[in-house]
PDBML (XML) file of the C-alpha atoms, coordinates in Angstrom:
<?xml version="1.0" encoding="UTF-8" ?>
<PDBx:datablock datablockName="MODEL"
   xmlns:PDBx="http://pdbml.pdb.org/schema/pdbx-v50.xsd"
   xmlns:xsi="http://www.w3.org/2001/XMLSchema-instance"
   xsi:schemaLocation="http://pdbml.pdb.org/schema/pdbx-v50.xsd pdbx-v50.xsd">
   <PDBx:atom_siteCategory>
      <PDBx:atom_site id="1">
         <PDBx:B_iso_or_equiv>0.00</PDBx:B_iso_or_equiv>
         <PDBx:Cartn_x>184.880</PDBx:Cartn_x>
         <PDBx:Cartn_y>168.755</PDBx:Cartn_y>
         <PDBx:Cartn_z>129.844</PDBx:Cartn_z>
         <PDBx:auth_asym_id>A</PDBx:auth_asym_id>
         <PDBx:auth_atom_id>CA</PDBx:auth_atom_id>
         <PDBx:auth_comp_id>ARG</PDBx:auth_comp_id>
         <PDBx:auth_seq_id>1</PDBx:auth_seq_id>
         <PDBx:group_PDB>ATOM</PDBx:group_PDB>
         <PDBx:label_alt_id xsi:nil="true" />
         <PDBx:label_asym_id>A</PDBx:label_asym_id>
         <PDBx:label_atom_id>CA</PDBx:label_atom_id>
         <PDBx:label_comp_id>ARG</PDBx:label_comp_id>
         <PDBx:label_entity_id>1</PDBx:label_entity_id>
         <PDBx:label_seq_id>1</PDBx:label_seq_id>
         <PDBx:occupancy>1.00</PDBx:occupancy>
         <PDBx:pdbx_PDB_model_num>1</PDBx:pdbx_PDB_model_num>
         <PDBx:type_symbol>C</PDBx:type_symbol>
      </PDBx:atom_site>
      <PDBx:atom_site id="2">
         <PDBx:B_iso_or_equiv>0.00</PDBx:B_iso_or_equiv>
         <PDBx:Cartn_x>182.122</PDBx:Cartn_x>
         <PDBx:Cartn_y>168.865</PDBx:Cartn_y>
         <PDBx:Cartn_z>127.312</PDBx:Cartn_z>
         <PDBx:auth_asym_id>A</PDBx:auth_asym_id>
         <PDBx:auth_atom_id>CA</PDBx:auth_atom_id>
         <PDBx:auth_comp_id>ILE</PDBx:auth_comp_id>
         <PDBx:auth_seq_id>2</PDBx:auth_seq_id>
         <PDBx:group_PDB>ATOM</PDBx:group_PDB>
         <PDBx:label_alt_id xsi:nil="true" />
         <PDBx:label_asym_id>A</PDBx:label_asym_id>
         <PDBx:label_atom_id>CA</PDBx:label_atom_id>
         <PDBx:label_comp_id>ILE</PDBx:label_comp_id>
         <PDBx:label_entity_id>1</PDBx:label_entity_id>
         <PDBx:label_seq_id>2</PDBx:label_seq_id>
         <PDBx:occupancy>1.00</PDBx:occupancy>
         <PDBx:pdbx_PDB_model_num>1</PDBx:pdbx_PDB_model_num>
         <PDBx:type_symbol>C</PDBx:type_symbol>
      </PDBx:atom_site>
      <PDBx:atom_site id="3">
         <PDBx:B_iso_or_equiv>0.00</PDBx:B_iso_or_equiv>
         <PDBx:Cartn_x>178.684</PDBx:Cartn_x>
         <PDBx:Cartn_y>167.664</PDBx:Cartn_y>
         <PDBx:Cartn_z>128.732</PDBx:Cartn_z>
         <PDBx:auth_asym_id>A</PDBx:auth_asym_id>
         <PDBx:auth_atom_id>CA</PDBx:auth_atom_id>
         <PDBx:auth_comp_id>MET</PDBx:auth_comp_id>
         <PDBx:auth_seq_id>3</PDBx:auth_seq_id>
         <PDBx:group_PDB>ATOM</PDBx:group_PDB>
         <PDBx:label_alt_id xsi:nil="true" />
         <PDBx:label_asym_id>A</PDBx:label_asym_id>
         <PDBx:label_atom_id>CA</PDBx:label_atom_id>
         <PDBx:label_comp_id>MET</PDBx:label_comp_id>
         <PDBx:label_entity_id>1</PDBx:label_entity_id>
         <PDBx:label_seq_id>3</PDBx:label_seq_id>
         <PDBx:occupancy>1.00</PDBx:occupancy>
         <PDBx:pdbx_PDB_model_num>1</PDBx:pdbx_PDB_model_num>
         <PDBx:type_symbol>C</PDBx:type_symbol>
      </PDBx:atom_site>
      <PDBx:atom_site id="4">
         <PDBx:B_iso_or_equiv>0.00</PDBx:B_iso_or_equiv>
         <PDBx:Cartn_x>175.109</PDBx:Cartn_x>
         <PDBx:Cartn_y>167.716</PDBx:Cartn_y>
         <PDBx:Cartn_z>127.040</PDBx:Cartn_z>
         <PDBx:auth_asym_id>A</PDBx:auth_asym_id>
         <PDBx:auth_atom_id>CA</PDBx:auth_atom_id>
         <PDBx:auth_comp_id>THR</PDBx:auth_comp_id>
         <PDBx:auth_seq_id>4</PDBx:auth_seq_id>
         <PDBx:group_PDB>ATOM</PDBx:group_PDB>
         <PDBx:label_alt_id xsi:nil="true" />
         <PDBx:label_asym_id>A</PDBx:label_asym_id>
         <PDBx:label_atom_id>CA</PDBx:label_atom_id>
         <PDBx:label_comp_id>THR</PDBx:label_comp_id>
         <PDBx:label_entity_id>1</PDBx:label_entity_id>
         <PDBx:label_seq_id>4</PDBx:label_seq_id>
         <PDBx:occupancy>1.00</PDBx:occupancy>
         <PDBx:pdbx_PDB_model_num>1</PDBx:pdbx_PDB_model_num>
         <PDBx:type_symbol>C</PDBx:type_symbol>
      </PDBx:atom_site>
      <PDBx:atom_site id="5">
         <PDBx:B_iso_or_equiv>0.00</PDBx:B_iso_or_equiv>
         <PDBx:Cartn_x>171.603</PDBx:Cartn_x>
         <PDBx:Cartn_y>168.885</PDBx:Cartn_y>
         <PDBx:Cartn_z>129.089</PDBx:Cartn_z>
         <PDBx:auth_asym_id>A</PDBx:auth_asym_id>
         <PDBx:auth_atom_id>CA</PDBx:auth_atom_id>
         <PDBx:auth_comp_id>ILE</PDBx:auth_comp_id>
         <PDBx:auth_seq_id>5</PDBx:auth_seq_id>
         <PDBx:group_PDB>ATOM</PDBx:group_PDB>
         <PDBx:label_alt_id xsi:nil="true" />
         <PDBx:label_asym_id>A</PDBx:label_asym_id>
         <PDBx:label_atom_id>CA</PDBx:label_atom_id>
         <PDBx:label_comp_id>ILE</PDBx:label_comp_id>
         <PDBx:label_entity_id>1</PDBx:label_entity_id>
         <PDBx:label_seq_id>5</PDBx:label_seq_id>
         <PDBx:occupancy>1.00</PDBx:occupancy>
         <PDBx:pdbx_PDB_model_num>1</PDBx:pdbx_PDB_model_num>
         <PDBx:type_symbol>C</PDBx:type_symbol>
      </PDBx:atom_site>
      <PDBx:atom_site id="6">
         <PDBx:B_iso_or_equiv>0.00</PDBx:B_iso_or_equiv>
         <PDBx:Cartn_x>168.175</PDBx:Cartn_x>
         <PDBx:Cartn_y>168.700</PDBx:Cartn_y>
         <PDBx:Cartn_z>128.486</PDBx:Cartn_z>
         <PDBx:auth_asym_id>A</PDBx:auth_asym_id>
         <PDBx:auth_atom_id>CA</PDBx:auth_atom_id>
         <PDBx:auth_comp_id>ALA</PDBx:auth_comp_id>
         <PDBx:auth_seq_id>6</PDBx:auth_seq_id>
         <PDBx:group_PDB>ATOM</PDBx:group_PDB>
         <PDBx:label_alt_id xsi:nil="true" />
         <PDBx:label_asym_id>A</PDBx:label_asym_id>
         <PDBx:label_atom_id>CA</PDBx:label_atom_id>
         <PDBx:label_comp_id>ALA</PDBx:label_comp_id>
         <PDBx:label_entity_id>1</PDBx:label_entity_id>
         <PDBx:label_seq_id>6</PDBx:label_seq_id>
         <PDBx:occupancy>1.00</PDBx:occupancy>
         <PDBx:pdbx_PDB_model_num>1</PDBx:pdbx_PDB_model_num>
         <PDBx:type_symbol>C</PDBx:type_symbol>
      </PDBx:atom_site>
      <PDBx:atom_site id="7">
         <PDBx:B_iso_or_equiv>0.00</PDBx:B_iso_or_equiv>
         <PDBx:Cartn_x>165.840</PDBx:Cartn_x>
         <PDBx:Cartn_y>170.197</PDBx:Cartn_y>
         <PDBx:Cartn_z>129.809</PDBx:Cartn_z>
         <PDBx:auth_asym_id>A</PDBx:auth_asym_id>
         <PDBx:auth_atom_id>CA</PDBx:auth_atom_id>
         <PDBx:auth_comp_id>THR</PDBx:auth_comp_id>
         <PDBx:auth_seq_id>7</PDBx:auth_seq_id>
         <PDBx:group_PDB>ATOM</PDBx:group_PDB>
         <PDBx:label_alt_id xsi:nil="true" />
         <PDBx:label_asym_id>A</PDBx:label_asym_id>
         <PDBx:label_atom_id>CA</PDBx:label_atom_id>
         <PDBx:label_comp_id>THR</PDBx:label_comp_id>
         <PDBx:label_entity_id>1</PDBx:label_entity_id>
         <PDBx:label_seq_id>7</PDBx:label_seq_id>
         <PDBx:occupancy>1.00</PDBx:occupancy>
         <PDBx:pdbx_PDB_model_num>1</PDBx:pdbx_PDB_model_num>
         <PDBx:type_symbol>C</PDBx:type_symbol>
      </PDBx:atom_site>
      <PDBx:atom_site id="8">
         <PDBx:B_iso_or_equiv>0.00</PDBx:B_iso_or_equiv>
         <PDBx:Cartn_x>162.310</PDBx:Cartn_x>
         <PDBx:Cartn_y>171.572</PDBx:Cartn_y>
         <PDBx:Cartn_z>129.374</PDBx:Cartn_z>
         <PDBx:auth_asym_id>A</PDBx:auth_asym_id>
         <PDBx:auth_atom_id>CA</PDBx:auth_atom_id>
         <PDBx:auth_comp_id>LEU</PDBx:auth_comp_id>
         <PDBx:auth_seq_id>8</PDBx:auth_seq_id>
         <PDBx:group_PDB>ATOM</PDBx:group_PDB>
         <PDBx:label_alt_id xsi:nil="true" />
         <PDBx:label_asym_id>A</PDBx:label_asym_id>
         <PDBx:label_atom_id>CA</PDBx:label_atom_id>
         <PDBx:label_comp_id>LEU</PDBx:label_comp_id>
         <PDBx:label_entity_id>1</PDBx:label_entity_id>
         <PDBx:label_seq_id>8</PDBx:label_seq_id>
         <PDBx:occupancy>1.00</PDBx:occupancy>
         <PDBx:pdbx_PDB_model_num>1</PDBx:pdbx_PDB_model_num>
         <PDBx:type_symbol>C</PDBx:type_symbol>
      </PDBx:atom_site>
      <PDBx:atom_site id="9">
         <PDBx:B_iso_or_equiv>0.00</PDBx:B_iso_or_equiv>
         <PDBx:Cartn_x>160.449</PDBx:Cartn_x>
         <PDBx:Cartn_y>173.889</PDBx:Cartn_y>
         <PDBx:Cartn_z>126.823</PDBx:Cartn_z>
         <PDBx:auth_asym_id>A</PDBx:auth_asym_id>
         <PDBx:auth_atom_id>CA</PDBx:auth_atom_id>
         <PDBx:auth_comp_id>ARG</PDBx:auth_comp_id>
         <PDBx:auth_seq_id>9</PDBx:auth_seq_id>
         <PDBx:group_PDB>ATOM</PDBx:group_PDB>
         <PDBx:label_alt_id xsi:nil="true" />
         <PDBx:label_asym_id>A</PDBx:label_asym_id>
         <PDBx:label_atom_id>CA</PDBx:label_atom_id>
         <PDBx:label_comp_id>ARG</PDBx:label_comp_id>
         <PDBx:label_entity_id>1</PDBx:label_entity_id>
         <PDBx:label_seq_id>9</PDBx:label_seq_id>
         <PDBx:occupancy>1.00</PDBx:occupancy>
         <PDBx:pdbx_PDB_model_num>1</PDBx:pdbx_PDB_model_num>
         <PDBx:type_symbol>C</PDBx:type_symbol>
      </PDBx:atom_site>
      <PDBx:atom_site id="10">
         <PDBx:B_iso_or_equiv>0.00</PDBx:B_iso_or_equiv>
         <PDBx:Cartn_x>156.978</PDBx:Cartn_x>
         <PDBx:Cartn_y>175.375</PDBx:Cartn_y>
         <PDBx:Cartn_z>128.089</PDBx:Cartn_z>
         <PDBx:auth_asym_id>A</PDBx:auth_asym_id>
         <PDBx:auth_atom_id>CA</PDBx:auth_atom_id>
         <PDBx:auth_comp_id>PRO</PDBx:auth_comp_id>
         <PDBx:auth_seq_id>10</PDBx:auth_seq_id>
         <PDBx:group_PDB>ATOM</PDBx:group_PDB>
         <PDBx:label_alt_id xsi:nil="true" />
         <PDBx:label_asym_id>A</PDBx:label_asym_id>
         <PDBx:label_atom_id>CA</PDBx:label_atom_id>
         <PDBx:label_comp_id>PRO</PDBx:label_comp_id>
         <PDBx:label_entity_id>1</PDBx:label_entity_id>
         <PDBx:label_seq_id>10</PDBx:label_seq_id>
         <PDBx:occupancy>1.00</PDBx:occupancy>
         <PDBx:pdbx_PDB_model_num>1</PDBx:pdbx_PDB_model_num>
         <PDBx:type_symbol>C</PDBx:type_symbol>
      </PDBx:atom_site>
      <PDBx:atom_site id="11">
         <PDBx:B_iso_or_equiv>0.00</PDBx:B_iso_or_equiv>
         <PDBx:Cartn_x>155.399</PDBx:Cartn_x>
         <PDBx:Cartn_y>173.203</PDBx:Cartn_y>
         <PDBx:Cartn_z>125.593</PDBx:Cartn_z>
         <PDBx:auth_asym_id>A</PDBx:auth_asym_id>
         <PDBx:auth_atom_id>CA</PDBx:auth_atom_id>
         <PDBx:auth_comp_id>ASP</PDBx:auth_comp_id>
         <PDBx:auth_seq_id>11</PDBx:auth_seq_id>
         <PDBx:group_PDB>ATOM</PDBx:group_PDB>
         <PDBx:label_alt_id xsi:nil="true" />
         <PDBx:label_asym_id>A</PDBx:label_asym_id>
         <PDBx:label_atom_id>CA</PDBx:label_atom_id>
         <PDBx:label_comp_id>ASP</PDBx:label_comp_id>
         <PDBx:label_entity_id>1</PDBx:label_entity_id>
         <PDBx:label_seq_id>11</PDBx:label_seq_id>
         <PDBx:occupancy>1.00</PDBx:occupancy>
         <PDBx:pdbx_PDB_model_num>1</PDBx:pdbx_PDB_model_num>
         <PDBx:type_symbol>C</PDBx:type_symbol>
      </PDBx:atom_site>
      <PDBx:atom_site id="12">
         <PDBx:B_iso_or_equiv>0.00</PDBx:B_iso_or_equiv>
         <PDBx:Cartn_x>157.434</PDBx:Cartn_x>
         <PDBx:Cartn_y>169.728</PDBx:Cartn_y>
         <PDBx:Cartn_z>127.497</PDBx:Cartn_z>
         <PDBx:auth_asym_id>A</PDBx:auth_asym_id>
         <PDBx:auth_atom_id>CA</PDBx:auth_atom_id>
         <PDBx:auth_comp_id>GLY</PDBx:auth_comp_id>
         <PDBx:auth_seq_id>12</PDBx:auth_seq_id>
         <PDBx:group_PDB>ATOM</PDBx:group_PDB>
         <PDBx:label_alt_id xsi:nil="true" />
         <PDBx:label_asym_id>A</PDBx:label_asym_id>
         <PDBx:label_atom_id>CA</PDBx:label_atom_id>
         <PDBx:label_comp_id>GLY</PDBx:label_comp_id>
         <PDBx:label_entity_id>1</PDBx:label_entity_id>
         <PDBx:label_seq_id>12</PDBx:label_seq_id>
         <PDBx:occupancy>1.00</PDBx:occupancy>
         <PDBx:pdbx_PDB_model_num>1</PDBx:pdbx_PDB_model_num>
         <PDBx:type_symbol>C</PDBx:type_symbol>
      </PDBx:atom_site>
      <PDBx:atom_site id="13">
         <PDBx:B_iso_or_equiv>0.00</PDBx:B_iso_or_equiv>
         <PDBx:Cartn_x>159.026</PDBx:Cartn_x>
         <PDBx:Cartn_y>168.832</PDBx:Cartn_y>
         <PDBx:Cartn_z>124.857</PDBx:Cartn_z>
         <PDBx:auth_asym_id>A</PDBx:auth_asym_id>
         <PDBx:auth_atom_id>CA</PDBx:auth_atom_id>
         <PDBx:auth_comp_id>TRP</PDBx:auth_comp_id>
         <PDBx:auth_seq_id>13</PDBx:auth_seq_id>
         <PDBx:group_PDB>ATOM</PDBx:group_PDB>
         <PDBx:label_alt_id xsi:nil="true" />
         <PDBx:label_asym_id>A</PDBx:label_asym_id>
         <PDBx:label_atom_id>CA</PDBx:label_atom_id>
         <PDBx:label_comp_id>TRP</PDBx:label_comp_id>
         <PDBx:label_entity_id>1</PDBx:label_entity_id>
         <PDBx:label_seq_id>13</PDBx:label_seq_id>
         <PDBx:occupancy>1.00</PDBx:occupancy>
         <PDBx:pdbx_PDB_model_num>1</PDBx:pdbx_PDB_model_num>
         <PDBx:type_symbol>C</PDBx:type_symbol>
      </PDBx:atom_site>
      <PDBx:atom_site id="14">
         <PDBx:B_iso_or_equiv>0.00</PDBx:B_iso_or_equiv>
         <PDBx:Cartn_x>163.190</PDBx:Cartn_x>
         <PDBx:Cartn_y>168.661</PDBx:Cartn_y>
         <PDBx:Cartn_z>125.824</PDBx:Cartn_z>
         <PDBx:auth_asym_id>A</PDBx:auth_asym_id>
         <PDBx:auth_atom_id>CA</PDBx:auth_atom_id>
         <PDBx:auth_comp_id>PRO</PDBx:auth_comp_id>
         <PDBx:auth_seq_id>14</PDBx:auth_seq_id>
         <PDBx:group_PDB>ATOM</PDBx:group_PDB>
         <PDBx:label_alt_id xsi:nil="true" />
         <PDBx:label_asym_id>A</PDBx:label_asym_id>
         <PDBx:label_atom_id>CA</PDBx:label_atom_id>
         <PDBx:label_comp_id>PRO</PDBx:label_comp_id>
         <PDBx:label_entity_id>1</PDBx:label_entity_id>
         <PDBx:label_seq_id>14</PDBx:label_seq_id>
         <PDBx:occupancy>1.00</PDBx:occupancy>
         <PDBx:pdbx_PDB_model_num>1</PDBx:pdbx_PDB_model_num>
         <PDBx:type_symbol>C</PDBx:type_symbol>
      </PDBx:atom_site>
      <PDBx:atom_site id="15">
         <PDBx:B_iso_or_equiv>0.00</PDBx:B_iso_or_equiv>
         <PDBx:Cartn_x>165.808</PDBx:Cartn_x>
         <PDBx:Cartn_y>171.169</PDBx:Cartn_y>
         <PDBx:Cartn_z>124.609</PDBx:Cartn_z>
         <PDBx:auth_asym_id>A</PDBx:auth_asym_id>
         <PDBx:auth_atom_id>CA</PDBx:auth_atom_id>
         <PDBx:auth_comp_id>GLN</PDBx:auth_comp_id>
         <PDBx:auth_seq_id>15</PDBx:auth_seq_id>
         <PDBx:group_PDB>ATOM</PDBx:group_PDB>
         <PDBx:label_alt_id xsi:nil="true" />
         <PDBx:label_asym_id>A</PDBx:label_asym_id>
         <PDBx:label_atom_id>CA</PDBx:label_atom_id>
         <PDBx:label_comp_id>GLN</PDBx:label_comp_id>
         <PDBx:label_entity_id>1</PDBx:label_entity_id>
         <PDBx:label_seq_id>15</PDBx:label_seq_id>
         <PDBx:occupancy>1.00</PDBx:occupancy>
         <PDBx:pdbx_PDB_model_num>1</PDBx:pdbx_PDB_model_num>
         <PDBx:type_symbol>C</PDBx:type_symbol>
      </PDBx:atom_site>
      <PDBx:atom_site id="16">
         <PDBx:B_iso_or_equiv>0.00</PDBx:B_iso_or_equiv>
         <PDBx:Cartn_x>169.015</PDBx:Cartn_x>
         <PDBx:Cartn_y>169.537</PDBx:Cartn_y>
         <PDBx:Cartn_z>124.828</PDBx:Cartn_z>
         <PDBx:auth_asym_id>A</PDBx:auth_asym_id>
         <PDBx:auth_atom_id>CA</PDBx:auth_atom_id>
         <PDBx:auth_comp_id>ALA</PDBx:auth_comp_id>
         <PDBx:auth_seq_id>16</PDBx:auth_seq_id>
         <PDBx:group_PDB>ATOM</PDBx:group_PDB>
         <PDBx:label_alt_id xsi:nil="true" />
         <PDBx:label_asym_id>A</PDBx:label_asym_id>
         <PDBx:label_atom_id>CA</PDBx:label_atom_id>
         <PDBx:label_comp_id>ALA</PDBx:label_comp_id>
         <PDBx:label_entity_id>1</PDBx:label_entity_id>
         <PDBx:label_seq_id>16</PDBx:label_seq_id>
         <PDBx:occupancy>1.00</PDBx:occupancy>
         <PDBx:pdbx_PDB_model_num>1</PDBx:pdbx_PDB_model_num>
         <PDBx:type_symbol>C</PDBx:type_symbol>
      </PDBx:atom_site>
      <PDBx:atom_site id="17">
         <PDBx:B_iso_or_equiv>0.00</PDBx:B_iso_or_equiv>
         <PDBx:Cartn_x>171.646</PDBx:Cartn_x>
         <PDBx:Cartn_y>171.550</PDBx:Cartn_y>
         <PDBx:Cartn_z>124.369</PDBx:Cartn_z>
         <PDBx:auth_asym_id>A</PDBx:auth_asym_id>
         <PDBx:auth_atom_id>CA</PDBx:auth_atom_id>
         <PDBx:auth_comp_id>THR</PDBx:auth_comp_id>
         <PDBx:auth_seq_id>17</PDBx:auth_seq_id>
         <PDBx:group_PDB>ATOM</PDBx:group_PDB>
         <PDBx:label_alt_id xsi:nil="true" />
         <PDBx:label_asym_id>A</PDBx:label_asym_id>
         <PDBx:label_atom_id>CA</PDBx:label_atom_id>
         <PDBx:label_comp_id>THR</PDBx:label_comp_id>
         <PDBx:label_entity_id>1</PDBx:label_entity_id>
         <PDBx:label_seq_id>17</PDBx:label_seq_id>
         <PDBx:occupancy>1.00</PDBx:occupancy>
         <PDBx:pdbx_PDB_model_num>1</PDBx:pdbx_PDB_model_num>
         <PDBx:type_symbol>C</PDBx:type_symbol>
      </PDBx:atom_site>
      <PDBx:atom_site id="18">
         <PDBx:B_iso_or_equiv>0.00</PDBx:B_iso_or_equiv>
         <PDBx:Cartn_x>176.048</PDBx:Cartn_x>
         <PDBx:Cartn_y>170.357</PDBx:Cartn_y>
         <PDBx:Cartn_z>123.947</PDBx:Cartn_z>
         <PDBx:auth_asym_id>A</PDBx:auth_asym_id>
         <PDBx:auth_atom_id>CA</PDBx:auth_atom_id>
         <PDBx:auth_comp_id>THR</PDBx:auth_comp_id>
         <PDBx:auth_seq_id>18</PDBx:auth_seq_id>
         <PDBx:group_PDB>ATOM</PDBx:group_PDB>
         <PDBx:label_alt_id xsi:nil="true" />
         <PDBx:label_asym_id>A</PDBx:label_asym_id>
         <PDBx:label_atom_id>CA</PDBx:label_atom_id>
         <PDBx:label_comp_id>THR</PDBx:label_comp_id>
         <PDBx:label_entity_id>1</PDBx:label_entity_id>
         <PDBx:label_seq_id>18</PDBx:label_seq_id>
         <PDBx:occupancy>1.00</PDBx:occupancy>
         <PDBx:pdbx_PDB_model_num>1</PDBx:pdbx_PDB_model_num>
         <PDBx:type_symbol>C</PDBx:type_symbol>
      </PDBx:atom_site>
      <PDBx:atom_site id="19">
         <PDBx:B_iso_or_equiv>0.00</PDBx:B_iso_or_equiv>
         <PDBx:Cartn_x>177.711</PDBx:Cartn_x>
         <PDBx:Cartn_y>172.732</PDBx:Cartn_y>
         <PDBx:Cartn_z>126.472</PDBx:Cartn_z>
         <PDBx:auth_asym_id>A</PDBx:auth_asym_id>
         <PDBx:auth_atom_id>CA</PDBx:auth_atom_id>
         <PDBx:auth_comp_id>VAL</PDBx:auth_comp_id>
         <PDBx:auth_seq_id>19</PDBx:auth_seq_id>
         <PDBx:group_PDB>ATOM</PDBx:group_PDB>
         <PDBx:label_alt_id xsi:nil="true" />
         <PDBx:label_asym_id>A</PDBx:label_asym_id>
         <PDBx:label_atom_id>CA</PDBx:label_atom_id>
         <PDBx:label_comp_id>VAL</PDBx:label_comp_id>
         <PDBx:label_entity_id>1</PDBx:label_entity_id>
         <PDBx:label_seq_id>19</PDBx:label_seq_id>
         <PDBx:occupancy>1.00</PDBx:occupancy>
         <PDBx:pdbx_PDB_model_num>1</PDBx:pdbx_PDB_model_num>
         <PDBx:type_symbol>C</PDBx:type_symbol>
      </PDBx:atom_site>
      <PDBx:atom_site id="20">
         <PDBx:B_iso_or_equiv>0.00</PDBx:B_iso_or_equiv>
         <PDBx:Cartn_x>181.389</PDBx:Cartn_x>
         <PDBx:Cartn_y>172.251</PDBx:Cartn_y>
         <PDBx:Cartn_z>127.974</PDBx:Cartn_z>
         <PDBx:auth_asym_id>A</PDBx:auth_asym_id>
         <PDBx:auth_atom_id>CA</PDBx:auth_atom_id>
         <PDBx:auth_comp_id>GLY</PDBx:auth_comp_id>
         <PDBx:auth_seq_id>20</PDBx:auth_seq_id>
         <PDBx:group_PDB>ATOM</PDBx:group_PDB>
         <PDBx:label_alt_id xsi:nil="true" />
         <PDBx:label_asym_id>A</PDBx:label_asym_id>
         <PDBx:label_atom_id>CA</PDBx:label_atom_id>
         <PDBx:label_comp_id>GLY</PDBx:label_comp_id>
         <PDBx:label_entity_id>1</PDBx:label_entity_id>
         <PDBx:label_seq_id>20</PDBx:label_seq_id>
         <PDBx:occupancy>1.00</PDBx:occupancy>
         <PDBx:pdbx_PDB_model_num>1</PDBx:pdbx_PDB_model_num>
         <PDBx:type_symbol>C</PDBx:type_symbol>
      </PDBx:atom_site>
      <PDBx:atom_site id="21">
         <PDBx:B_iso_or_equiv>0.00</PDBx:B_iso_or_equiv>
         <PDBx:Cartn_x>181.917</PDBx:Cartn_x>
         <PDBx:Cartn_y>172.429</PDBx:Cartn_y>
         <PDBx:Cartn_z>131.385</PDBx:Cartn_z>
         <PDBx:auth_asym_id>A</PDBx:auth_asym_id>
         <PDBx:auth_atom_id>CA</PDBx:auth_atom_id>
         <PDBx:auth_comp_id>TYR</PDBx:auth_comp_id>
         <PDBx:auth_seq_id>21</PDBx:auth_seq_id>
         <PDBx:group_PDB>ATOM</PDBx:group_PDB>
         <PDBx:label_alt_id xsi:nil="true" />
         <PDBx:label_asym_id>A</PDBx:label_asym_id>
         <PDBx:label_atom_id>CA</PDBx:label_atom_id>
         <PDBx:label_comp_id>TYR</PDBx:label_comp_id>
         <PDBx:label_entity_id>1</PDBx:label_entity_id>
         <PDBx:label_seq_id>21</PDBx:label_seq_id>
         <PDBx:occupancy>1.00</PDBx:occupancy>
         <PDBx:pdbx_PDB_model_num>1</PDBx:pdbx_PDB_model_num>
         <PDBx:type_symbol>C</PDBx:type_symbol>
      </PDBx:atom_site>
      <PDBx:atom_site id="22">
         <PDBx:B_iso_or_equiv>0.00</PDBx:B_iso_or_equiv>
         <PDBx:Cartn_x>184.560</PDBx:Cartn_x>
         <PDBx:Cartn_y>172.647</PDBx:Cartn_y>
         <PDBx:Cartn_z>134.410</PDBx:Cartn_z>
         <PDBx:auth_asym_id>A</PDBx:auth_asym_id>
         <PDBx:auth_atom_id>CA</PDBx:auth_atom_id>
         <PDBx:auth_comp_id>ALA</PDBx:auth_comp_id>
         <PDBx:auth_seq_id>22</PDBx:auth_seq_id>
         <PDBx:group_PDB>ATOM</PDBx:group_PDB>
         <PDBx:label_alt_id xsi:nil="true" />
         <PDBx:label_asym_id>A</PDBx:label_asym_id>
         <PDBx:label_atom_id>CA</PDBx:label_atom_id>
         <PDBx:label_comp_id>ALA</PDBx:label_comp_id>
         <PDBx:label_entity_id>1</PDBx:label_entity_id>
         <PDBx:label_seq_id>22</PDBx:label_seq_id>
         <PDBx:occupancy>1.00</PDBx:occupancy>
         <PDBx:pdbx_PDB_model_num>1</PDBx:pdbx_PDB_model_num>
         <PDBx:type_symbol>C</PDBx:type_symbol>
      </PDBx:atom_site>
      <PDBx:atom_site id="23">
         <PDBx:B_iso_or_equiv>0.00</PDBx:B_iso_or_equiv>
         <PDBx:Cartn_x>183.766</PDBx:Cartn_x>
         <PDBx:Cartn_y>170.753</PDBx:Cartn_y>
         <PDBx:Cartn_z>137.989</PDBx:Cartn_z>
         <PDBx:auth_asym_id>A</PDBx:auth_asym_id>
         <PDBx:auth_atom_id>CA</PDBx:auth_atom_id>
         <PDBx:auth_comp_id>ASN</PDBx:auth_comp_id>
         <PDBx:auth_seq_id>23</PDBx:auth_seq_id>
         <PDBx:group_PDB>ATOM</PDBx:group_PDB>
         <PDBx:label_alt_id xsi:nil="true" />
         <PDBx:label_asym_id>A</PDBx:label_asym_id>
         <PDBx:label_atom_id>CA</PDBx:label_atom_id>
         <PDBx:label_comp_id>ASN</PDBx:label_comp_id>
         <PDBx:label_entity_id>1</PDBx:label_entity_id>
         <PDBx:label_seq_id>23</PDBx:label_seq_id>
         <PDBx:occupancy>1.00</PDBx:occupancy>
         <PDBx:pdbx_PDB_model_num>1</PDBx:pdbx_PDB_model_num>
         <PDBx:type_symbol>C</PDBx:type_symbol>
      </PDBx:atom_site>
      <PDBx:atom_site id="24">
         <PDBx:B_iso_or_equiv>0.00</PDBx:B_iso_or_equiv>
         <PDBx:Cartn_x>184.607</PDBx:Cartn_x>
         <PDBx:Cartn_y>171.140</PDBx:Cartn_y>
         <PDBx:Cartn_z>141.352</PDBx:Cartn_z>
         <PDBx:auth_asym_id>A</PDBx:auth_asym_id>
         <PDBx:auth_atom_id>CA</PDBx:auth_atom_id>
         <PDBx:auth_comp_id>GLU</PDBx:auth_comp_id>
         <PDBx:auth_seq_id>24</PDBx:auth_seq_id>
         <PDBx:group_PDB>ATOM</PDBx:group_PDB>
         <PDBx:label_alt_id xsi:nil="true" />
         <PDBx:label_asym_id>A</PDBx:label_asym_id>
         <PDBx:label_atom_id>CA</PDBx:label_atom_id>
         <PDBx:label_comp_id>GLU</PDBx:label_comp_id>
         <PDBx:label_entity_id>1</PDBx:label_entity_id>
         <PDBx:label_seq_id>24</PDBx:label_seq_id>
         <PDBx:occupancy>1.00</PDBx:occupancy>
         <PDBx:pdbx_PDB_model_num>1</PDBx:pdbx_PDB_model_num>
         <PDBx:type_symbol>C</PDBx:type_symbol>
      </PDBx:atom_site>
      <PDBx:atom_site id="25">
         <PDBx:B_iso_or_equiv>0.00</PDBx:B_iso_or_equiv>
         <PDBx:Cartn_x>184.372</PDBx:Cartn_x>
         <PDBx:Cartn_y>167.714</PDBx:Cartn_y>
         <PDBx:Cartn_z>142.768</PDBx:Cartn_z>
         <PDBx:auth_asym_id>A</PDBx:auth_asym_id>
         <PDBx:auth_atom_id>CA</PDBx:auth_atom_id>
         <PDBx:auth_comp_id>GLY</PDBx:auth_comp_id>
         <PDBx:auth_seq_id>25</PDBx:auth_seq_id>
         <PDBx:group_PDB>ATOM</PDBx:group_PDB>
         <PDBx:label_alt_id xsi:nil="true" />
         <PDBx:label_asym_id>A</PDBx:label_asym_id>
         <PDBx:label_atom_id>CA</PDBx:label_atom_id>
         <PDBx:label_comp_id>GLY</PDBx:label_comp_id>
         <PDBx:label_entity_id>1</PDBx:label_entity_id>
         <PDBx:label_seq_id>25</PDBx:label_seq_id>
         <PDBx:occupancy>1.00</PDBx:occupancy>
         <PDBx:pdbx_PDB_model_num>1</PDBx:pdbx_PDB_model_num>
         <PDBx:type_symbol>C</PDBx:type_symbol>
      </PDBx:atom_site>
   </PDBx:atom_siteCategory>
</PDBx:datablock>
């Protein structure tokens, strides 16, 4: 139930955050 999501900040550097998740399939 835990995942790390990485997105791109406006300056092009990655931002990684650990979050809880739920899934449906």
